[in-house]
PDB file of N, CA and C in Angstrom:
ATOM      1  N   GLY A   1       0.777  10.600  12.620  1.00  0.00           N
ATOM      2  CA  GLY A   1       0.693   9.325  13.229  1.00  0.00           C
ATOM      3  C   GLY A   1      -0.567   8.579  12.843  1.00  0.00           C
ATOM      4  N   ASP A   2      -1.494   8.534  13.780  1.00  0.00           N
ATOM      5  CA  ASP A   2      -2.716   7.748  13.574  1.00  0.00           C
ATOM      6  C   ASP A   2      -3.544   8.255  12.402  1.00  0.00           C
ATOM      7  N   ALA A   3      -3.580   9.571  12.212  1.00  0.00           N
ATOM      8  CA  ALA A   3      -4.350  10.127  11.090  1.00  0.00           C
ATOM      9  C   ALA A   3      -3.757   9.680   9.766  1.00  0.00           C
ATOM     10  N   ALA A   4      -2.450   9.610   9.683  1.00  0.00           N
ATOM     11  CA  ALA A   4      -1.794   9.162   8.452  1.00  0.00           C
ATOM     12  C   ALA A   4      -2.087   7.687   8.194  1.00  0.00           C
ATOM     13  N   ILE A   5      -2.023   6.862   9.223  1.00  0.00           N
ATOM     14  CA  ILE A   5      -2.318   5.427   9.085  1.00  0.00           C
ATOM     15  C   ILE A   5      -3.751   5.236   8.586  1.00  0.00           C
ATOM     16  N   ARG A   6      -4.689   5.966   9.181  1.00  0.00           N
ATOM     17  CA  ARG A   6      -6.091   5.857   8.735  1.00  0.00           C
ATOM     18  C   ARG A   6      -6.250   6.340   7.298  1.00  0.00           C
ATOM     19  N   ALA A   7      -5.554   7.410   6.935  1.00  0.00           N
ATOM     20  CA  ALA A   7      -5.651   7.941   5.568  1.00  0.00           C
ATOM     21  C   ALA A   7      -5.113   6.939   4.553  1.00  0.00           C
ATOM     22  N   VAL A   8      -4.013   6.278   4.883  1.00  0.00           N
ATOM     23  CA  VAL A   8      -3.448   5.277   3.974  1.00  0.00           C
ATOM     24  C   VAL A   8      -4.424   4.116   3.807  1.00  0.00           C
ATOM     25  N   ALA A   9      -4.981   3.632   4.892  1.00  0.00           N
ATOM     26  CA  ALA A   9      -5.949   2.536   4.805  1.00  0.00           C
ATOM     27  C   ALA A   9      -7.150   2.934   3.956  1.00  0.00           C
ATOM     28  N   THR A  10      -7.642   4.132   4.144  1.00  0.00           N
ATOM     29  CA  THR A  10      -8.784   4.621   3.362  1.00  0.00           C
ATOM     30  C   THR A  10      -8.428   4.733   1.883  1.00  0.00           C
ATOM     31  N   ALA A  11      -7.230   5.228   1.584  1.00  0.00           N
ATOM     32  CA  ALA A  11      -6.802   5.365   0.192  1.00  0.00           C
ATOM     33  C   ALA A  11      -6.675   3.996  -0.480  1.00  0.00           C
ATOM     34  N   ILE A  12      -6.125   3.029   0.233  1.00  0.00           N
ATOM     35  CA  ILE A  12      -5.998   1.675  -0.337  1.00  0.00           C
ATOM     36  C   ILE A  12      -7.375   1.065  -0.556  1.00  0.00           C
ATOM     37  N   ARG A  13      -8.254   1.212   0.421  1.00  0.00           N
ATOM     38  CA  ARG A  13      -9.622   0.692   0.250  1.00  0.00           C
ATOM     39  C   ARG A  13     -10.314   1.349  -0.934  1.00  0.00           C
ATOM     40  N   GLY A  14     -10.001   2.618  -1.187  1.00  0.00           N
ATOM     41  CA  GLY A  14     -10.635   3.349  -2.277  1.00  0.00           C
ATOM     42  C   GLY A  14     -10.243   2.854  -3.666  1.00  0.00           C
ATOM     43  N   VAL A  15      -9.118   2.160  -3.770  1.00  0.00           N
ATOM     44  CA  VAL A  15      -8.694   1.643  -5.085  1.00  0.00           C
ATOM     45  C   VAL A  15      -8.778   0.121  -5.154  1.00  0.00           C
ATOM     46  N   SER A  16      -9.233  -0.501  -4.072  1.00  0.00           N
ATOM     47  CA  SER A  16      -9.326  -1.958  -4.013  1.00  0.00           C
ATOM     48  C   SER A  16     -10.709  -2.436  -4.416  1.00  0.00           C
ATOM     49  N   ARG A  17     -10.757  -3.694  -4.806  1.00  0.00           N
ATOM     50  CA  ARG A  17     -12.039  -4.341  -5.122  1.00  0.00           C
ATOM     51  C   ARG A  17     -12.623  -4.948  -3.857  1.00  0.00           C
ATOM     52  N   ALA A  18     -13.881  -5.289  -3.881  1.00  0.00           N
ATOM     53  CA  ALA A  18     -14.564  -5.817  -2.699  1.00  0.00           C
ATOM     54  C   ALA A  18     -13.915  -7.098  -2.180  1.00  0.00           C
ATOM     55  N   ASP A  19     -13.361  -7.940  -3.058  1.00  0.00           N
ATOM     56  CA  ASP A  19     -12.777  -9.203  -2.609  1.00  0.00           C
ATOM     57  C   ASP A  19     -11.271  -9.121  -2.332  1.00  0.00           C
ATOM     58  N   ASP A  20     -10.658  -7.949  -2.485  1.00  0.00           N
ATOM     59  CA  ASP A  20      -9.250  -7.769  -2.126  1.00  0.00           C
ATOM     60  C   ASP A  20      -9.140  -7.714  -0.602  1.00  0.00           C
ATOM     61  N   LEU A  21      -8.015  -8.151  -0.078  1.00  0.00           N
ATOM     62  CA  LEU A  21      -7.813  -8.195   1.367  1.00  0.00           C
ATOM     63  C   LEU A  21      -6.772  -7.157   1.783  1.00  0.00           C
ATOM     64  N   LEU A  22      -7.060  -6.405   2.820  1.00  0.00           N
ATOM     65  CA  LEU A  22      -6.169  -5.370   3.329  1.00  0.00           C
ATOM     66  C   LEU A  22      -5.897  -5.647   4.794  1.00  0.00           C
ATOM     67  N   PHE A  23      -4.609  -5.712   5.145  1.00  0.00           N
ATOM     68  CA  PHE A  23      -4.198  -5.949   6.524  1.00  0.00           C
ATOM     69  C   PHE A  23      -3.182  -4.887   6.937  1.00  0.00           C
ATOM     70  N   ARG A  24      -3.260  -4.444   8.168  1.00  0.00           N
ATOM     71  CA  ARG A  24      -2.183  -3.629   8.725  1.00  0.00           C
ATOM     72  C   ARG A  24      -1.104  -4.611   9.141  1.00  0.00           C
ATOM     73  N   TRP A  25       0.098  -4.401   8.641  1.00  0.00           N
ATOM     74  CA  TRP A  25       1.182  -5.360   8.807  1.00  0.00           C
ATOM     75  C   TRP A  25       2.329  -4.662   9.519  1.00  0.00           C
ATOM     76  N   GLY A  26       2.283  -4.620  10.811  1.00  0.00           N
ATOM     77  CA  GLY A  26       3.304  -3.890  11.562  1.00  0.00           C
ATOM     78  C   GLY A  26       2.828  -2.475  11.813  1.00  0.00           C
ATOM     79  N   GLY A  27       3.702  -1.666  12.355  1.00  0.00           N
ATOM     80  CA  GLY A  27       3.340  -0.316  12.749  1.00  0.00           C
ATOM     81  C   GLY A  27       2.795   0.546  11.640  1.00  0.00           C
ATOM     82  N   ASP A  28       3.534   0.677  10.555  1.00  0.00           N
ATOM     83  CA  ASP A  28       3.090   1.578   9.482  1.00  0.00           C
ATOM     84  C   ASP A  28       3.087   0.894   8.124  1.00  0.00           C
ATOM     85  N   GLU A  29       3.022  -0.418   8.112  1.00  0.00           N
ATOM     86  CA  GLU A  29       2.998  -1.169   6.858  1.00  0.00           C
ATOM     87  C   GLU A  29       1.645  -1.842   6.679  1.00  0.00           C
ATOM     88  N   PHE A  30       1.268  -1.967   5.415  1.00  0.00           N
ATOM     89  CA  PHE A  30       0.032  -2.658   5.060  1.00  0.00           C
ATOM     90  C   PHE A  30       0.352  -3.773   4.085  1.00  0.00           C
ATOM     91  N   LEU A  31      -0.422  -4.815   4.139  1.00  0.00           N
ATOM     92  CA  LEU A  31      -0.334  -5.943   3.218  1.00  0.00           C
ATOM     93  C   LEU A  31      -1.656  -5.987   2.468  1.00  0.00           C
ATOM     94  N   VAL A  32      -1.575  -5.943   1.138  1.00  0.00           N
ATOM     95  CA  VAL A  32      -2.775  -5.988   0.316  1.00  0.00           C
ATOM     96  C   VAL A  32      -2.676  -7.225  -0.569  1.00  0.00           C
ATOM     97  N   LEU A  33      -3.665  -8.097  -0.482  1.00  0.00           N
ATOM     98  CA  LEU A  33      -3.714  -9.293  -1.323  1.00  0.00           C
ATOM     99  C   LEU A  33      -4.779  -9.077  -2.389  1.00  0.00           C
ATOM    100  N   LEU A  34      -4.326  -9.024  -3.623  1.00  0.00           N
ATOM    101  CA  LEU A  34      -5.222  -8.836  -4.762  1.00  0.00           C
ATOM    102  C   LEU A  34      -5.268 -10.154  -5.527  1.00  0.00           C
ATOM    103  N   SER A  35      -6.368 -10.850  -5.460  1.00  0.00           N
ATOM    104  CA  SER A  35      -6.459 -12.158  -6.105  1.00  0.00           C
ATOM    105  C   SER A  35      -6.975 -12.026  -7.532  1.00  0.00           C
ATOM    106  N   GLY A  36      -6.475 -12.921  -8.382  1.00  0.00           N
ATOM    107  CA  GLY A  36      -6.950 -12.980  -9.761  1.00  0.00           C
ATOM    108  C   GLY A  36      -6.599 -11.754 -10.580  1.00  0.00           C
ATOM    109  N   ILE A  37      -5.435 -11.158 -10.331  1.00  0.00           N
ATOM    110  CA  ILE A  37      -5.046  -9.955 -11.057  1.00  0.00           C
ATOM    111  C   ILE A  37      -3.551 -10.043 -11.373  1.00  0.00           C
ATOM    112  N   ALA A  38      -3.180  -9.643 -12.559  1.00  0.00           N
ATOM    113  CA  ALA A  38      -1.771  -9.638 -12.951  1.00  0.00           C
ATOM    114  C   ALA A  38      -1.036  -8.533 -12.197  1.00  0.00           C
ATOM    115  N   GLU A  39       0.277  -8.727 -11.999  1.00  0.00           N
ATOM    116  CA  GLU A  39       1.058  -7.744 -11.253  1.00  0.00           C
ATOM    117  C   GLU A  39       0.974  -6.355 -11.882  1.00  0.00           C
ATOM    118  N   GLY A  40       1.037  -6.281 -13.202  1.00  0.00           N
ATOM    119  CA  GLY A  40       0.943  -4.980 -13.870  1.00  0.00           C
ATOM    120  C   GLY A  40      -0.381  -4.301 -13.601  1.00  0.00           C
ATOM    121  N   ASP A  41      -1.455  -5.071 -13.618  1.00  0.00           N
ATOM    122  CA  ASP A  41      -2.775  -4.513 -13.327  1.00  0.00           C
ATOM    123  C   ASP A  41      -2.883  -4.068 -11.864  1.00  0.00           C
ATOM    124  N   ALA A  42      -2.240  -4.809 -10.959  1.00  0.00           N
ATOM    125  CA  ALA A  42      -2.230  -4.416  -9.547  1.00  0.00           C
ATOM    126  C   ALA A  42      -1.495  -3.097  -9.377  1.00  0.00           C
ATOM    127  N   ARG A  43      -0.383  -2.949 -10.092  1.00  0.00           N
ATOM    128  CA  ARG A  43       0.378  -1.692 -10.013  1.00  0.00           C
ATOM    129  C   ARG A  43      -0.474  -0.511 -10.494  1.00  0.00           C
ATOM    130  N   VAL A  44      -1.195  -0.711 -11.578  1.00  0.00           N
ATOM    131  CA  VAL A  44      -2.056   0.354 -12.098  1.00  0.00           C
ATOM    132  C   VAL A  44      -3.147   0.691 -11.090  1.00  0.00           C
ATOM    133  N   ARG A  45      -3.750  -0.328 -10.528  1.00  0.00           N
ATOM    134  CA  ARG A  45      -4.841  -0.119  -9.563  1.00  0.00           C
ATOM    135  C   ARG A  45      -4.342   0.656  -8.345  1.00  0.00           C
ATOM    136  N   LEU A  46      -3.155   0.330  -7.842  1.00  0.00           N
ATOM    137  CA  LEU A  46      -2.643   0.959  -6.627  1.00  0.00           C
ATOM    138  C   LEU A  46      -1.874   2.249  -6.887  1.00  0.00           C
ATOM    139  N   ALA A  47      -1.644   2.588  -8.143  1.00  0.00           N
ATOM    140  CA  ALA A  47      -0.898   3.803  -8.478  1.00  0.00           C
ATOM    141  C   ALA A  47      -1.596   5.061  -7.978  1.00  0.00           C
ATOM    142  N   ASP A  48      -2.881   4.992  -7.820  1.00  0.00           N
ATOM    143  CA  ASP A  48      -3.663   6.160  -7.403  1.00  0.00           C
ATOM    144  C   ASP A  48      -3.594   6.429  -5.900  1.00  0.00           C
ATOM    145  N   VAL A  49      -3.006   5.517  -5.134  1.00  0.00           N
ATOM    146  CA  VAL A  49      -2.988   5.677  -3.674  1.00  0.00           C
ATOM    147  C   VAL A  49      -2.287   6.974  -3.276  1.00  0.00           C
ATOM    148  N   ASN A  50      -1.092   7.224  -3.807  1.00  0.00           N
ATOM    149  CA  ASN A  50      -0.376   8.443  -3.419  1.00  0.00           C
ATOM    150  C   ASN A  50      -1.111   9.700  -3.860  1.00  0.00           C
ATOM    151  N   GLU A  51      -1.803   9.647  -4.972  1.00  0.00           N
ATOM    152  CA  GLU A  51      -2.591  10.809  -5.402  1.00  0.00           C
ATOM    153  C   GLU A  51      -3.690  11.103  -4.386  1.00  0.00           C
ATOM    154  N   ARG A  52      -4.302  10.067  -3.875  1.00  0.00           N
ATOM    155  CA  ARG A  52      -5.360  10.232  -2.880  1.00  0.00           C
ATOM    156  C   ARG A  52      -4.825  10.768  -1.555  1.00  0.00           C
ATOM    157  N   LEU A  53      -3.510  10.661  -1.341  1.00  0.00           N
ATOM    158  CA  LEU A  53      -2.905  11.075  -0.076  1.00  0.00           C
ATOM    159  C   LEU A  53      -2.249  12.457  -0.140  1.00  0.00           C
ATOM    160  N   ARG A  54      -2.442  13.169  -1.212  1.00  0.00           N
ATOM    161  CA  ARG A  54      -1.784  14.473  -1.378  1.00  0.00           C
ATOM    162  C   ARG A  54      -2.281  15.518  -0.381  1.00  0.00           C
ATOM    163  N   ALA A  55      -3.511  15.396   0.079  1.00  0.00           N
ATOM    164  CA  ALA A  55      -4.064  16.378   1.026  1.00  0.00           C
ATOM    165  C   ALA A  55      -4.849  15.636   2.100  1.00  0.00           C
ATOM    166  N   VAL A  56      -4.152  15.272   3.168  1.00  0.00           N
ATOM    167  CA  VAL A  56      -4.764  14.522   4.265  1.00  0.00           C
ATOM    168  C   VAL A  56      -5.103  15.485   5.401  1.00  0.00           C
ATOM    169  N   ALA A  57      -6.364  15.463   5.816  1.00  0.00           N
ATOM    170  CA  ALA A  57      -6.786  16.296   6.945  1.00  0.00           C
ATOM    171  C   ALA A  57      -6.279  15.674   8.239  1.00  0.00           C
ATOM    172  N   VAL A  58      -5.657  16.498   9.059  1.00  0.00           N
ATOM    173  CA  VAL A  58      -5.124  16.034  10.342  1.00  0.00           C
ATOM    174  C   VAL A  58      -5.806  16.829  11.446  1.00  0.00           C
ATOM    175  N   PRO A  59      -6.417  16.135  12.406  1.00  0.00           N
ATOM    176  CA  PRO A  59      -7.071  16.841  13.511  1.00  0.00           C
ATOM    177  C   PRO A  59      -6.085  17.774  14.217  1.00  0.00           C
ATOM    178  N   GLY A  60      -6.525  18.997  14.486  1.00  0.00           N
ATOM    179  CA  GLY A  60      -5.689  19.967  15.170  1.00  0.00           C
ATOM    180  C   GLY A  60      -4.817  20.807  14.254  1.00  0.00           C
ATOM    181  N   ARG A  61      -4.841  20.533  12.954  1.00  0.00           N
ATOM    182  CA  ARG A  61      -4.064  21.317  11.989  1.00  0.00           C
ATOM    183  C   ARG A  61      -5.018  21.997  11.024  1.00  0.00           C
ATOM    184  N   GLU A  62      -4.732  23.234  10.712  1.00  0.00           N
ATOM    185  CA  GLU A  62      -5.579  23.957   9.752  1.00  0.00           C
ATOM    186  C   GLU A  62      -5.332  23.486   8.336  1.00  0.00           C
ATOM    187  N   GLU A  63      -4.080  23.236   8.008  1.00  0.00           N
ATOM    188  CA  GLU A  63      -3.735  22.854   6.639  1.00  0.00           C
ATOM    189  C   GLU A  63      -3.591  21.341   6.518  1.00  0.00           C
ATOM    190  N   ALA A  64      -4.006  20.820   5.375  1.00  0.00           N
ATOM    191  CA  ALA A  64      -3.831  19.403   5.092  1.00  0.00           C
ATOM    192  C   ALA A  64      -2.349  19.109   4.892  1.00  0.00           C
ATOM    193  N   VAL A  65      -1.961  17.872   5.116  1.00  0.00           N
ATOM    194  CA  VAL A  65      -0.576  17.456   4.913  1.00  0.00           C
ATOM    195  C   VAL A  65      -0.533  16.423   3.796  1.00  0.00           C
ATOM    196  N   SER A  66       0.611  16.322   3.175  1.00  0.00           N
ATOM    197  CA  SER A  66       0.813  15.330   2.120  1.00  0.00           C
ATOM    198  C   SER A  66       1.461  14.094   2.726  1.00  0.00           C
ATOM    199  N   VAL A  67       0.913  12.946   2.426  1.00  0.00           N
ATOM    200  CA  VAL A  67       1.430  11.663   2.881  1.00  0.00           C
ATOM    201  C   VAL A  67       1.756  10.858   1.640  1.00  0.00           C
ATOM    202  N   SER A  68       2.830  10.095   1.674  1.00  0.00           N
ATOM    203  CA  SER A  68       3.126   9.224   0.536  1.00  0.00           C
ATOM    204  C   SER A  68       3.536   7.856   1.045  1.00  0.00           C
ATOM    205  N   VAL A  69       3.386   6.873   0.188  1.00  0.00           N
ATOM    206  CA  VAL A  69       3.740   5.497   0.543  1.00  0.00           C
ATOM    207  C   VAL A  69       4.674   4.919  -0.511  1.00  0.00           C
ATOM    208  N   ALA A  70       5.528   4.021  -0.073  1.00  0.00           N
ATOM    209  CA  ALA A  70       6.360   3.228  -0.988  1.00  0.00           C
ATOM    210  C   ALA A  70       5.734   1.851  -1.032  1.00  0.00           C
ATOM    211  N   MET A  71       5.655   1.274  -2.225  1.00  0.00           N
ATOM    212  CA  MET A  71       5.013  -0.027  -2.386  1.00  0.00           C
ATOM    213  C   MET A  71       5.979  -1.028  -2.973  1.00  0.00           C
ATOM    214  N   GLY A  72       5.829  -2.256  -2.548  1.00  0.00           N
ATOM    215  CA  GLY A  72       6.553  -3.367  -3.145  1.00  0.00           C
ATOM    216  C   GLY A  72       5.545  -4.392  -3.609  1.00  0.00           C
ATOM    217  N   PHE A  73       5.782  -4.970  -4.761  1.00  0.00           N
ATOM    218  CA  PHE A  73       4.850  -5.934  -5.336  1.00  0.00           C
ATOM    219  C   PHE A  73       5.537  -7.283  -5.479  1.00  0.00           C
ATOM    220  N   ALA A  74       4.776  -8.346  -5.314  1.00  0.00           N
ATOM    221  CA  ALA A  74       5.284  -9.692  -5.548  1.00  0.00           C
ATOM    222  C   ALA A  74       4.122 -10.571  -5.967  1.00  0.00           C
ATOM    223  N   PRO A  75       4.297 -11.354  -7.034  1.00  0.00           N
ATOM    224  CA  PRO A  75       3.235 -12.279  -7.434  1.00  0.00           C
ATOM    225  C   PRO A  75       3.130 -13.428  -6.434  1.00  0.00           C
ATOM    226  N   PHE A  76       1.930 -13.906  -6.236  1.00  0.00           N
ATOM    227  CA  PHE A  76       1.680 -14.991  -5.284  1.00  0.00           C
ATOM    228  C   PHE A  76       0.848 -16.044  -5.976  1.00  0.00           C
ATOM    229  N   ASP A  77       1.385 -17.258  -6.019  1.00  0.00           N
ATOM    230  CA  ASP A  77       0.597 -18.370  -6.537  1.00  0.00           C
ATOM    231  C   ASP A  77       0.701 -19.526  -5.554  1.00  0.00           C
ATOM    232  N   SER A  78       0.011 -20.595  -5.845  1.00  0.00           N
ATOM    233  CA  SER A  78      -0.083 -21.700  -4.886  1.00  0.00           C
ATOM    234  C   SER A  78       1.254 -22.383  -4.636  1.00  0.00           C
ATOM    235  N   SER A  79       2.254 -22.171  -5.495  1.00  0.00           N
ATOM    236  CA  SER A  79       3.548 -22.824  -5.296  1.00  0.00           C
ATOM    237  C   SER A  79       4.481 -22.025  -4.393  1.00  0.00           C
ATOM    238  N   ALA A  80       4.127 -20.800  -4.053  1.00  0.00           N
ATOM    239  CA  ALA A  80       4.988 -19.948  -3.223  1.00  0.00           C
ATOM    240  C   ALA A  80       4.465 -19.899  -1.798  1.00  0.00           C
ATOM    241  N   SER A  81       5.375 -19.772  -0.854  1.00  0.00           N
ATOM    242  CA  SER A  81       4.937 -19.599   0.534  1.00  0.00           C
ATOM    243  C   SER A  81       4.611 -18.126   0.750  1.00  0.00           C
ATOM    244  N   LEU A  82       3.655 -17.877   1.613  1.00  0.00           N
ATOM    245  CA  LEU A  82       3.273 -16.501   1.918  1.00  0.00           C
ATOM    246  C   LEU A  82       4.463 -15.734   2.487  1.00  0.00           C
ATOM    247  N   ASP A  83       5.248 -16.364   3.350  1.00  0.00           N
ATOM    248  CA  ASP A  83       6.426 -15.693   3.916  1.00  0.00           C
ATOM    249  C   ASP A  83       7.400 -15.254   2.837  1.00  0.00           C
ATOM    250  N   ALA A  84       7.641 -16.119   1.851  1.00  0.00           N
ATOM    251  CA  ALA A  84       8.576 -15.782   0.770  1.00  0.00           C
ATOM    252  C   ALA A  84       8.048 -14.618  -0.061  1.00  0.00           C
ATOM    253  N   VAL A  85       6.766 -14.622  -0.350  1.00  0.00           N
ATOM    254  CA  VAL A  85       6.169 -13.548  -1.143  1.00  0.00           C
ATOM    255  C   VAL A  85       6.230 -12.223  -0.387  1.00  0.00           C
ATOM    256  N   ILE A  86       5.933 -12.252   0.889  1.00  0.00           N
ATOM    257  CA  ILE A  86       6.005 -11.031   1.697  1.00  0.00           C
ATOM    258  C   ILE A  86       7.437 -10.516   1.740  1.00  0.00           C
ATOM    259  N   ARG A  87       8.402 -11.417   1.870  1.00  0.00           N
ATOM    260  CA  ARG A  87       9.806 -11.011   1.889  1.00  0.00           C
ATOM    261  C   ARG A  87      10.202 -10.320   0.582  1.00  0.00           C
ATOM    262  N   VAL A  88       9.786 -10.858  -0.561  1.00  0.00           N
ATOM    263  CA  VAL A  88      10.085 -10.245  -1.866  1.00  0.00           C
ATOM    264  C   VAL A  88       9.448  -8.861  -1.960  1.00  0.00           C
ATOM    265  N   ALA A  89       8.188  -8.749  -1.576  1.00  0.00           N
ATOM    266  CA  ALA A  89       7.498  -7.451  -1.632  1.00  0.00           C
ATOM    267  C   ALA A  89       8.141  -6.455  -0.678  1.00  0.00           C
ATOM    268  N   ASP A  90       8.527  -6.921   0.508  1.00  0.00           N
ATOM    269  CA  ASP A  90       9.162  -6.046   1.498  1.00  0.00           C
ATOM    270  C   ASP A  90      10.501  -5.517   0.972  1.00  0.00           C
ATOM    271  N   GLU A  91      11.295  -6.391   0.362  1.00  0.00           N
ATOM    272  CA  GLU A  91      12.574  -5.965  -0.209  1.00  0.00           C
ATOM    273  C   GLU A  91      12.361  -4.951  -1.329  1.00  0.00           C
ATOM    274  N   ALA A  92      11.350  -5.167  -2.148  1.00  0.00           N
ATOM    275  CA  ALA A  92      11.041  -4.217  -3.229  1.00  0.00           C
ATOM    276  C   ALA A  92      10.610  -2.862  -2.662  1.00  0.00           C
ATOM    277  N   MET A  93       9.808  -2.906  -1.601  1.00  0.00           N
ATOM    278  CA  MET A  93       9.357  -1.654  -0.976  1.00  0.00           C
ATOM    279  C   MET A  93      10.543  -0.871  -0.420  1.00  0.00           C
ATOM    280  N   TYR A  94      11.412  -1.557   0.318  1.00  0.00           N
ATOM    281  CA  TYR A  94      12.570  -0.856   0.881  1.00  0.00           C
ATOM    282  C   TYR A  94      13.502  -0.370  -0.201  1.00  0.00           C
ATOM    283  N   GLY A  95      13.596  -1.092  -1.302  1.00  0.00           N
ATOM    284  CA  GLY A  95      14.386  -0.610  -2.442  1.00  0.00           C
ATOM    285  C   GLY A  95      13.821   0.683  -3.010  1.00  0.00           C
ATOM    286  N   ARG A  96      12.505   0.763  -3.094  1.00  0.00           N
ATOM    287  CA  ARG A  96      11.856   1.996  -3.574  1.00  0.00           C
ATOM    288  C   ARG A  96      12.088   3.130  -2.592  1.00  0.00           C
ATOM    289  N   LYS A  97      12.032   2.851  -1.292  1.00  0.00           N
ATOM    290  CA  LYS A  97      12.271   3.897  -0.295  1.00  0.00           C
ATOM    291  C   LYS A  97      13.696   4.439  -0.417  1.00  0.00           C
ATOM    292  N   ARG A  98      14.674   3.539  -0.570  1.00  0.00           N
ATOM    293  CA  ARG A  98      16.070   3.970  -0.698  1.00  0.00           C
ATOM    294  C   ARG A  98      16.283   4.749  -1.980  1.00  0.00           C
ATOM    295  N   GLY A  99      15.584   4.353  -3.034  1.00  0.00           N
ATOM    296  CA  GLY A  99      15.735   5.022  -4.329  1.00  0.00           C
ATOM    297  C   GLY A  99      14.915   6.285  -4.457  1.00  0.00           C
ATOM    298  N   GLY A 100      14.064   6.554  -3.488  1.00  0.00           N
ATOM    299  CA  GLY A 100      13.236   7.761  -3.530  1.00  0.00           C
ATOM    300  C   GLY A 100      12.059   7.670  -4.484  1.00  0.00           C
ATOM    301  N   ALA A 101      11.767   6.476  -4.977  1.00  0.00           N
ATOM    302  CA  ALA A 101      10.657   6.303  -5.924  1.00  0.00           C
ATOM    303  C   ALA A 101       9.371   6.023  -5.194  1.00  0.00           C
TER     304      ALA A 101
END
């Protein structure tokens, strides 16, 4: 639960730049805004998140647990609404979850 949420936030912060924005978006979802970066470069930057989550320490457990995240990406420019971009990224994320990727 809470330990996993904190671990995901820490992992995302660990691969983000100082000017990137990270928000908790709902119960177990995060929204990351990476400005001035191409989508391919964002994918490369965030690819390390699941690697960082392979051994998460959980209070009260002797052994670490593995946590993984599904990500959806969407380009955002001044001509798109934030709601539309979030919807595209959300659909991509759920597609990855259904596909097991």
